[in-house]
């Protein structure tokens, strides 16, 4: 499934800077912690929200909102 991960503000859960785009069947859950090692410094984030999108043709993709730790 196409997955896009965005940095988000904790008080206004809106999409900010896109951190990654990937294809994964992993079931992400609120509270999961992710590490991005390709940043200049290791970036650690916690998932605060998952939004699923279903298109009319049956395609599914998701946006993940993550809080920088």
N, C-alpha and C. Protein backbone atom coordinates (compact mmCIF):
# COMPACT_ATOMS: atom_id res chain seq x y z
N UNK A 1 0.85 -1.17 0.00
CA UNK A 1 0.00 0.00 0.00
C UNK A 1 0.90 1.24 0.00
N UNK A 2 0.52 2.22 -0.79
CA UNK A 2 1.29 3.46 -0.82
C UNK A 2 1.09 4.18 0.52
N UNK A 3 2.20 4.59 1.12
CA UNK A 3 2.18 5.23 2.43
C UNK A 3 3.04 6.49 2.37
N UNK A 4 2.49 7.60 2.81
CA UNK A 4 3.26 8.83 2.93
C UNK A 4 3.29 9.24 4.39
N UNK A 5 4.47 9.59 4.88
CA UNK A 5 4.64 9.96 6.28
C UNK A 5 4.99 11.44 6.33
N UNK A 6 4.21 12.19 7.12
CA UNK A 6 4.37 13.64 7.23
C UNK A 6 4.68 14.04 8.67
N UNK A 7 5.53 15.04 8.82
CA UNK A 7 5.76 15.62 10.13
C UNK A 7 4.54 16.47 10.47
N UNK A 8 4.13 16.45 11.73
CA UNK A 8 2.94 17.16 12.15
C UNK A 8 3.18 17.90 13.45
N UNK A 9 2.42 18.96 13.64
CA UNK A 9 2.42 19.71 14.90
C UNK A 9 1.49 18.98 15.87
N UNK A 10 1.85 18.85 17.15
CA UNK A 10 1.00 18.10 18.08
C UNK A 10 -0.35 18.76 18.38
N UNK A 11 -0.44 20.07 18.18
CA UNK A 11 -1.68 20.79 18.54
C UNK A 11 -2.63 20.94 17.37
N UNK A 12 -2.11 20.94 16.16
CA UNK A 12 -2.94 21.02 14.97
C UNK A 12 -2.52 19.89 14.04
N UNK A 13 -3.12 18.74 14.17
CA UNK A 13 -2.67 17.58 13.37
C UNK A 13 -2.93 17.77 11.88
N UNK A 14 -2.05 18.54 11.26
CA UNK A 14 -2.12 18.78 9.82
C UNK A 14 -0.80 18.37 9.20
N UNK A 15 -0.85 18.06 7.92
CA UNK A 15 0.36 17.66 7.20
C UNK A 15 1.37 18.79 7.19
N UNK A 16 2.60 18.44 7.51
CA UNK A 16 3.71 19.36 7.40
C UNK A 16 4.68 18.84 6.35
N UNK A 17 5.95 18.86 6.68
CA UNK A 17 6.99 18.38 5.77
C UNK A 17 6.86 16.87 5.55
N UNK A 18 6.94 16.44 4.28
CA UNK A 18 6.89 15.01 3.98
C UNK A 18 8.23 14.39 4.36
N UNK A 19 8.19 13.35 5.18
CA UNK A 19 9.40 12.67 5.63
C UNK A 19 9.75 11.49 4.75
N UNK A 20 8.73 10.79 4.23
CA UNK A 20 9.01 9.61 3.42
C UNK A 20 7.77 9.19 2.64
N UNK A 21 8.02 8.52 1.53
CA UNK A 21 6.98 7.86 0.74
C UNK A 21 7.46 6.43 0.53
N UNK A 22 6.60 5.47 0.83
CA UNK A 22 7.01 4.08 0.69
C UNK A 22 5.81 3.20 0.39
N UNK A 23 6.11 1.99 -0.04
CA UNK A 23 5.07 0.98 -0.26
C UNK A 23 5.28 -0.09 0.81
N UNK A 24 4.26 -0.29 1.65
CA UNK A 24 4.41 -1.24 2.75
C UNK A 24 3.05 -1.81 3.14
N UNK A 25 3.05 -3.07 3.50
CA UNK A 25 1.84 -3.71 4.02
C UNK A 25 1.83 -3.71 5.55
N UNK A 26 2.87 -3.12 6.14
CA UNK A 26 2.95 -3.06 7.61
C UNK A 26 1.74 -2.30 8.16
N UNK A 27 1.19 -2.78 9.25
CA UNK A 27 0.05 -2.11 9.87
C UNK A 27 0.58 -1.11 10.90
N UNK A 28 0.72 0.13 10.47
CA UNK A 28 1.16 1.19 11.37
C UNK A 28 0.05 1.49 12.37
N UNK A 29 0.44 1.78 13.61
CA UNK A 29 -0.53 2.11 14.65
C UNK A 29 -0.10 3.36 15.39
N UNK A 30 -1.08 4.05 15.93
CA UNK A 30 -0.79 5.23 16.74
C UNK A 30 0.12 4.82 17.90
N UNK A 31 1.18 5.60 18.11
CA UNK A 31 2.12 5.29 19.17
C UNK A 31 3.38 4.61 18.69
N UNK A 32 3.36 4.04 17.47
CA UNK A 32 4.58 3.44 16.92
C UNK A 32 5.66 4.51 16.78
N UNK A 33 6.92 4.11 16.99
CA UNK A 33 8.04 5.02 16.81
C UNK A 33 8.84 4.59 15.59
N UNK A 34 9.21 5.57 14.77
CA UNK A 34 9.97 5.33 13.56
C UNK A 34 11.28 6.09 13.62
N UNK A 35 12.30 5.54 13.00
CA UNK A 35 13.61 6.18 12.93
C UNK A 35 13.97 6.39 11.46
N UNK A 36 14.39 7.59 11.11
CA UNK A 36 14.85 7.91 9.77
C UNK A 36 16.35 8.15 9.85
N UNK A 37 17.12 7.22 9.32
CA UNK A 37 18.57 7.29 9.42
C UNK A 37 19.21 8.08 8.28
N UNK A 38 18.45 8.43 7.25
CA UNK A 38 19.03 9.12 6.11
C UNK A 38 19.04 10.64 6.26
N UNK A 39 18.49 11.16 7.34
CA UNK A 39 18.53 12.59 7.61
C UNK A 39 19.95 12.96 8.04
N UNK A 40 20.31 14.26 8.03
CA UNK A 40 21.64 14.64 8.52
C UNK A 40 21.89 14.13 9.94
N UNK A 41 20.88 14.16 10.76
CA UNK A 41 20.93 13.55 12.09
C UNK A 41 19.82 12.50 12.11
N UNK A 42 19.99 11.50 12.95
CA UNK A 42 18.94 10.48 13.05
C UNK A 42 17.66 11.15 13.55
N UNK A 43 16.58 10.95 12.81
CA UNK A 43 15.30 11.56 13.16
C UNK A 43 14.39 10.50 13.76
N UNK A 44 13.82 10.79 14.93
CA UNK A 44 12.91 9.86 15.61
C UNK A 44 11.55 10.53 15.68
N UNK A 45 10.50 9.80 15.28
CA UNK A 45 9.14 10.33 15.30
C UNK A 45 8.19 9.30 15.91
N UNK A 46 7.06 9.80 16.41
CA UNK A 46 6.01 8.93 16.94
C UNK A 46 4.74 9.19 16.14
N UNK A 47 4.08 8.13 15.72
CA UNK A 47 2.86 8.26 14.94
C UNK A 47 1.73 8.76 15.83
N UNK A 48 1.06 9.83 15.35
CA UNK A 48 -0.06 10.40 16.11
C UNK A 48 -1.38 10.28 15.35
N UNK A 49 -1.32 9.88 14.09
CA UNK A 49 -2.56 9.73 13.33
C UNK A 49 -2.33 9.04 12.01
N UNK A 50 -3.36 8.30 11.57
CA UNK A 50 -3.31 7.59 10.29
C UNK A 50 -4.60 7.90 9.56
N UNK A 51 -4.46 8.34 8.32
CA UNK A 51 -5.63 8.66 7.50
C UNK A 51 -5.63 7.76 6.28
N UNK A 52 -6.69 6.99 6.12
CA UNK A 52 -6.82 6.09 4.99
C UNK A 52 -7.65 6.78 3.91
N UNK A 53 -7.25 6.59 2.66
CA UNK A 53 -7.95 7.16 1.52
C UNK A 53 -8.34 6.04 0.57
N UNK A 54 -9.60 6.00 0.18
CA UNK A 54 -10.08 5.00 -0.77
C UNK A 54 -10.60 5.74 -1.99
N UNK A 55 -10.02 5.44 -3.15
CA UNK A 55 -10.45 6.08 -4.39
C UNK A 55 -11.61 5.29 -5.00
N UNK A 56 -12.32 5.91 -5.91
CA UNK A 56 -13.48 5.29 -6.55
C UNK A 56 -13.11 4.00 -7.28
N UNK A 57 -11.89 3.92 -7.79
CA UNK A 57 -11.47 2.71 -8.52
C UNK A 57 -11.00 1.60 -7.59
N UNK A 58 -11.04 1.82 -6.27
CA UNK A 58 -10.67 0.80 -5.30
C UNK A 58 -9.25 0.90 -4.78
N UNK A 59 -8.46 1.83 -5.32
CA UNK A 59 -7.10 2.02 -4.81
C UNK A 59 -7.15 2.58 -3.39
N UNK A 60 -6.24 2.11 -2.56
CA UNK A 60 -6.16 2.57 -1.17
C UNK A 60 -4.76 3.10 -0.92
N UNK A 61 -4.69 4.24 -0.24
CA UNK A 61 -3.40 4.75 0.22
C UNK A 61 -3.61 5.41 1.57
N UNK A 62 -2.51 5.67 2.27
CA UNK A 62 -2.65 6.25 3.60
C UNK A 62 -1.62 7.35 3.83
N UNK A 63 -2.03 8.30 4.65
CA UNK A 63 -1.16 9.36 5.14
C UNK A 63 -0.95 9.11 6.62
N UNK A 64 0.29 9.21 7.05
CA UNK A 64 0.62 9.05 8.46
C UNK A 64 1.16 10.36 8.98
N UNK A 65 0.60 10.82 10.10
CA UNK A 65 1.06 12.03 10.76
C UNK A 65 1.98 11.62 11.90
N UNK A 66 3.16 12.23 11.94
CA UNK A 66 4.16 11.84 12.93
C UNK A 66 4.68 13.06 13.67
N UNK A 67 4.88 12.90 14.96
CA UNK A 67 5.39 13.96 15.83
C UNK A 67 6.88 13.75 16.04
N UNK A 68 7.66 14.79 15.76
CA UNK A 68 9.11 14.72 15.93
C UNK A 68 9.43 14.63 17.42
N UNK A 69 10.30 13.70 17.79
CA UNK A 69 10.68 13.54 19.21
C UNK A 69 12.05 14.08 19.46
